[in-house]
Amino acid sequence: MASDDDAVVLPGGHGPVVDLFQDRSLRRLLIEADRAGKIIGAVCHGPAALLSER
């Protein structure tokens, strides 16, 4: 749960760009973290995780 963490960091690379945007659990965690005002950081290809609409 996002309440257990201070921030969420999304890694870069080719694996994350293919996988992270499809991860429903990550999407829920990102929404929860955003609503809680947590820091969300993304490097390299990590911003692809922010594109999830599932």
PDB file of N, CA and C in Angstrom:
ATOM      1  N   MET A   1       0.837  -1.183   0.000  1.00  0.00           N
ATOM      2  CA  MET A   1       0.000   0.000   0.000  1.00  0.00           C
ATOM      3  C   MET A   1       0.879   1.244   0.000  1.00  0.00           C
ATOM      4  N   ALA A   2       0.410   2.264  -0.641  1.00  0.00           N
ATOM      5  CA  ALA A   2       1.170   3.503  -0.725  1.00  0.00           C
ATOM      6  C   ALA A   2       1.328   4.163   0.639  1.00  0.00           C
ATOM      7  N   SER A   3       0.422   3.884   1.561  1.00  0.00           N
ATOM      8  CA  SER A   3       0.516   4.507   2.877  1.00  0.00           C
ATOM      9  C   SER A   3       1.746   4.022   3.649  1.00  0.00           C
ATOM     10  N   ASP A   4       2.316   2.890   3.252  1.00  0.00           N
ATOM     11  CA  ASP A   4       3.502   2.347   3.907  1.00  0.00           C
ATOM     12  C   ASP A   4       4.797   2.982   3.416  1.00  0.00           C
ATOM     13  N   ASP A   5       4.738   3.737   2.335  1.00  0.00           N
ATOM     14  CA  ASP A   5       5.939   4.275   1.707  1.00  0.00           C
ATOM     15  C   ASP A   5       5.887   5.799   1.631  1.00  0.00           C
ATOM     16  N   ASP A   6       7.077   6.407   1.532  1.00  0.00           N
ATOM     17  CA  ASP A   6       7.174   7.852   1.395  1.00  0.00           C
ATOM     18  C   ASP A   6       7.093   8.291  -0.057  1.00  0.00           C
ATOM     19  N   ALA A   7       7.494   7.413  -0.968  1.00  0.00           N
ATOM     20  CA  ALA A   7       7.537   7.758  -2.388  1.00  0.00           C
ATOM     21  C   ALA A   7       7.456   6.489  -3.229  1.00  0.00           C
ATOM     22  N   VAL A   8       7.173   6.683  -4.505  1.00  0.00           N
ATOM     23  CA  VAL A   8       7.175   5.590  -5.469  1.00  0.00           C
ATOM     24  C   VAL A   8       8.179   5.969  -6.557  1.00  0.00           C
ATOM     25  N   VAL A   9       9.111   5.065  -6.860  1.00  0.00           N
ATOM     26  CA  VAL A   9      10.093   5.307  -7.910  1.00  0.00           C
ATOM     27  C   VAL A   9       9.866   4.274  -9.007  1.00  0.00           C
ATOM     28  N   LEU A  10       9.707   4.752 -10.211  1.00  0.00           N
ATOM     29  CA  LEU A  10       9.488   3.888 -11.366  1.00  0.00           C
ATOM     30  C   LEU A  10      10.797   3.795 -12.148  1.00  0.00           C
ATOM     31  N   PRO A  11      11.367   2.588 -12.274  1.00  0.00           N
ATOM     32  CA  PRO A  11      12.666   2.436 -12.933  1.00  0.00           C
ATOM     33  C   PRO A  11      12.557   2.572 -14.447  1.00  0.00           C
ATOM     34  N   GLY A  12      13.676   2.767 -15.057  1.00  0.00           N
ATOM     35  CA  GLY A  12      13.718   2.856 -16.510  1.00  0.00           C
ATOM     36  C   GLY A  12      14.139   1.549 -17.137  1.00  0.00           C
ATOM     37  N   GLY A  13      14.295   1.564 -18.428  1.00  0.00           N
ATOM     38  CA  GLY A  13      14.745   0.391 -19.154  1.00  0.00           C
ATOM     39  C   GLY A  13      13.673  -0.168 -20.067  1.00  0.00           C
ATOM     40  N   HIS A  14      14.054  -1.134 -20.868  1.00  0.00           N
ATOM     41  CA  HIS A  14      13.129  -1.698 -21.845  1.00  0.00           C
ATOM     42  C   HIS A  14      12.067  -2.587 -21.206  1.00  0.00           C
ATOM     43  N   GLY A  15      12.404  -3.318 -20.155  1.00  0.00           N
ATOM     44  CA  GLY A  15      11.412  -4.157 -19.464  1.00  0.00           C
ATOM     45  C   GLY A  15      10.278  -3.332 -18.890  1.00  0.00           C
ATOM     46  N   PRO A  16      10.600  -2.304 -18.109  1.00  0.00           N
ATOM     47  CA  PRO A  16       9.531  -1.484 -17.538  1.00  0.00           C
ATOM     48  C   PRO A  16       8.643  -0.809 -18.582  1.00  0.00           C
ATOM     49  N   VAL A  17       9.227  -0.372 -19.691  1.00  0.00           N
ATOM     50  CA  VAL A  17       8.398   0.313 -20.692  1.00  0.00           C
ATOM     51  C   VAL A  17       7.369  -0.642 -21.294  1.00  0.00           C
ATOM     52  N   VAL A  18       7.679  -1.929 -21.302  1.00  0.00           N
ATOM     53  CA  VAL A  18       6.748  -2.924 -21.840  1.00  0.00           C
ATOM     54  C   VAL A  18       5.778  -3.412 -20.775  1.00  0.00           C
ATOM     55  N   ASP A  19       6.234  -3.531 -19.535  1.00  0.00           N
ATOM     56  CA  ASP A  19       5.438  -4.163 -18.485  1.00  0.00           C
ATOM     57  C   ASP A  19       4.646  -3.208 -17.592  1.00  0.00           C
ATOM     58  N   LEU A  20       5.245  -2.115 -17.175  1.00  0.00           N
ATOM     59  CA  LEU A  20       4.638  -1.308 -16.113  1.00  0.00           C
ATOM     60  C   LEU A  20       3.295  -0.701 -16.488  1.00  0.00           C
ATOM     61  N   PHE A  21       3.122  -0.275 -17.730  1.00  0.00           N
ATOM     62  CA  PHE A  21       1.854   0.358 -18.087  1.00  0.00           C
ATOM     63  C   PHE A  21       0.695  -0.633 -18.109  1.00  0.00           C
ATOM     64  N   GLN A  22       1.005  -1.924 -18.086  1.00  0.00           N
ATOM     65  CA  GLN A  22      -0.035  -2.960 -18.098  1.00  0.00           C
ATOM     66  C   GLN A  22      -0.354  -3.512 -16.706  1.00  0.00           C
ATOM     67  N   ASP A  23       0.365  -3.052 -15.692  1.00  0.00           N
ATOM     68  CA  ASP A  23       0.250  -3.609 -14.344  1.00  0.00           C
ATOM     69  C   ASP A  23      -0.877  -2.932 -13.564  1.00  0.00           C
ATOM     70  N   ARG A  24      -1.977  -3.640 -13.376  1.00  0.00           N
ATOM     71  CA  ARG A  24      -3.150  -3.062 -12.690  1.00  0.00           C
ATOM     72  C   ARG A  24      -2.875  -2.752 -11.226  1.00  0.00           C
ATOM     73  N   SER A  25      -2.076  -3.583 -10.575  1.00  0.00           N
ATOM     74  CA  SER A  25      -1.732  -3.331  -9.174  1.00  0.00           C
ATOM     75  C   SER A  25      -0.913  -2.053  -9.043  1.00  0.00           C
ATOM     76  N   LEU A  26       0.009  -1.856  -9.964  1.00  0.00           N
ATOM     77  CA  LEU A  26       0.813  -0.633  -9.953  1.00  0.00           C
ATOM     78  C   LEU A  26      -0.068   0.582 -10.206  1.00  0.00           C
ATOM     79  N   ARG A  27      -1.013   0.450 -11.122  1.00  0.00           N
ATOM     80  CA  ARG A  27      -1.929   1.567 -11.401  1.00  0.00           C
ATOM     81  C   ARG A  27      -2.677   1.974 -10.135  1.00  0.00           C
ATOM     82  N   ARG A  28      -3.196   0.997  -9.401  1.00  0.00           N
ATOM     83  CA  ARG A  28      -3.919   1.297  -8.159  1.00  0.00           C
ATOM     84  C   ARG A  28      -2.991   1.953  -7.137  1.00  0.00           C
ATOM     85  N   LEU A  29      -1.761   1.442  -7.042  1.00  0.00           N
ATOM     86  CA  LEU A  29      -0.798   2.014  -6.110  1.00  0.00           C
ATOM     87  C   LEU A  29      -0.470   3.461  -6.485  1.00  0.00           C
ATOM     88  N   LEU A  30      -0.294   3.740  -7.775  1.00  0.00           N
ATOM     89  CA  LEU A  30       0.013   5.102  -8.213  1.00  0.00           C
ATOM     90  C   LEU A  30      -1.138   6.065  -7.922  1.00  0.00           C
ATOM     91  N   ILE A  31      -2.353   5.617  -8.139  1.00  0.00           N
ATOM     92  CA  ILE A  31      -3.517   6.465  -7.836  1.00  0.00           C
ATOM     93  C   ILE A  31      -3.582   6.749  -6.345  1.00  0.00           C
ATOM     94  N   GLU A  32      -3.391   5.710  -5.539  1.00  0.00           N
ATOM     95  CA  GLU A  32      -3.415   5.862  -4.086  1.00  0.00           C
ATOM     96  C   GLU A  32      -2.295   6.804  -3.620  1.00  0.00           C
ATOM     97  N   ALA A  33      -1.098   6.628  -4.166  1.00  0.00           N
ATOM     98  CA  ALA A  33       0.033   7.469  -3.794  1.00  0.00           C
ATOM     99  C   ALA A  33      -0.220   8.922  -4.182  1.00  0.00           C
ATOM    100  N   ASP A  34      -0.759   9.131  -5.373  1.00  0.00           N
ATOM    101  CA  ASP A  34      -1.056  10.493  -5.824  1.00  0.00           C
ATOM    102  C   ASP A  34      -2.091  11.156  -4.925  1.00  0.00           C
ATOM    103  N   ARG A  35      -3.140  10.457  -4.606  1.00  0.00           N
ATOM    104  CA  ARG A  35      -4.189  11.018  -3.742  1.00  0.00           C
ATOM    105  C   ARG A  35      -3.666  11.332  -2.337  1.00  0.00           C
ATOM    106  N   ALA A  36      -2.658  10.567  -1.899  1.00  0.00           N
ATOM    107  CA  ALA A  36      -2.072  10.783  -0.573  1.00  0.00           C
ATOM    108  C   ALA A  36      -0.985  11.861  -0.596  1.00  0.00           C
ATOM    109  N   GLY A  37      -0.713  12.422  -1.776  1.00  0.00           N
ATOM    110  CA  GLY A  37       0.290  13.466  -1.885  1.00  0.00           C
ATOM    111  C   GLY A  37       1.720  12.957  -1.822  1.00  0.00           C
ATOM    112  N   LYS A  38       1.909  11.689  -2.124  1.00  0.00           N
ATOM    113  CA  LYS A  38       3.249  11.091  -2.106  1.00  0.00           C
ATOM    114  C   LYS A  38       4.036  11.519  -3.343  1.00  0.00           C
ATOM    115  N   ILE A  39       5.347  11.439  -3.247  1.00  0.00           N
ATOM    116  CA  ILE A  39       6.216  11.727  -4.379  1.00  0.00           C
ATOM    117  C   ILE A  39       6.215  10.529  -5.313  1.00  0.00           C
ATOM    118  N   ILE A  40       6.061  10.785  -6.620  1.00  0.00           N
ATOM    119  CA  ILE A  40       6.159   9.739  -7.632  1.00  0.00           C
ATOM    120  C   ILE A  40       7.262  10.178  -8.584  1.00  0.00           C
ATOM    121  N   GLY A  41       8.322   9.377  -8.627  1.00  0.00           N
ATOM    122  CA  GLY A  41       9.458   9.694  -9.492  1.00  0.00           C
ATOM    123  C   GLY A  41       9.611   8.633 -10.559  1.00  0.00           C
ATOM    124  N   ALA A  42       9.980   9.063 -11.758  1.00  0.00           N
ATOM    125  CA  ALA A  42      10.163   8.116 -12.857  1.00  0.00           C
ATOM    126  C   ALA A  42      11.410   8.502 -13.646  1.00  0.00           C
ATOM    127  N   VAL A  43      12.217   7.519 -13.976  1.00  0.00           N
ATOM    128  CA  VAL A  43      13.431   7.757 -14.749  1.00  0.00           C
ATOM    129  C   VAL A  43      13.391   6.976 -16.062  1.00  0.00           C
ATOM    130  N   CYS A  44      14.066   7.512 -17.053  1.00  0.00           N
ATOM    131  CA  CYS A  44      14.226   6.853 -18.338  1.00  0.00           C
ATOM    132  C   CYS A  44      12.859   6.458 -18.931  1.00  0.00           C
ATOM    133  N   HIS A  45      12.561   5.189 -19.051  1.00  0.00           N
ATOM    134  CA  HIS A  45      11.286   4.713 -19.606  1.00  0.00           C
ATOM    135  C   HIS A  45      10.203   4.553 -18.535  1.00  0.00           C
ATOM    136  N   GLY A  46      10.523   4.825 -17.286  1.00  0.00           N
ATOM    137  CA  GLY A  46       9.569   4.673 -16.191  1.00  0.00           C
ATOM    138  C   GLY A  46       8.274   5.445 -16.348  1.00  0.00           C
ATOM    139  N   PRO A  47       8.266   6.641 -16.967  1.00  0.00           N
ATOM    140  CA  PRO A  47       7.018   7.369 -17.142  1.00  0.00           C
ATOM    141  C   PRO A  47       5.954   6.605 -17.915  1.00  0.00           C
ATOM    142  N   ALA A  48       6.329   5.546 -18.632  1.00  0.00           N
ATOM    143  CA  ALA A  48       5.336   4.733 -19.340  1.00  0.00           C
ATOM    144  C   ALA A  48       4.311   4.169 -18.366  1.00  0.00           C
ATOM    145  N   ALA A  49       4.698   3.933 -17.121  1.00  0.00           N
ATOM    146  CA  ALA A  49       3.771   3.401 -16.124  1.00  0.00           C
ATOM    147  C   ALA A  49       2.637   4.377 -15.845  1.00  0.00           C
ATOM    148  N   LEU A  50       2.848   5.648 -16.103  1.00  0.00           N
ATOM    149  CA  LEU A  50       1.826   6.666 -15.844  1.00  0.00           C
ATOM    150  C   LEU A  50       0.754   6.675 -16.925  1.00  0.00           C
ATOM    151  N   LEU A  51       0.938   5.906 -17.970  1.00  0.00           N
ATOM    152  CA  LEU A  51      -0.007   5.884 -19.088  1.00  0.00           C
ATOM    153  C   LEU A  51      -1.137   4.878 -18.923  1.00  0.00           C
ATOM    154  N   SER A  52      -1.062   4.050 -17.906  1.00  0.00           N
ATOM    155  CA  SER A  52      -2.040   2.985 -17.725  1.00  0.00           C
ATOM    156  C   SER A  52      -3.453   3.525 -17.546  1.00  0.00           C
ATOM    157  N   GLU A  53      -4.386   2.957 -18.291  1.00  0.00           N
ATOM    158  CA  GLU A  53      -5.801   3.331 -18.158  1.00  0.00           C
ATOM    159  C   GLU A  53      -6.649   2.126 -17.788  1.00  0.00           C
ATOM    160  N   ARG A  54      -6.021   1.028 -17.448  1.00  0.00           N
ATOM    161  CA  ARG A  54      -6.774  -0.202 -17.150  1.00  0.00           C
ATOM    162  C   ARG A  54      -7.218  -0.222 -15.715  1.00  0.00           C
TER     163      ARG A  54
END
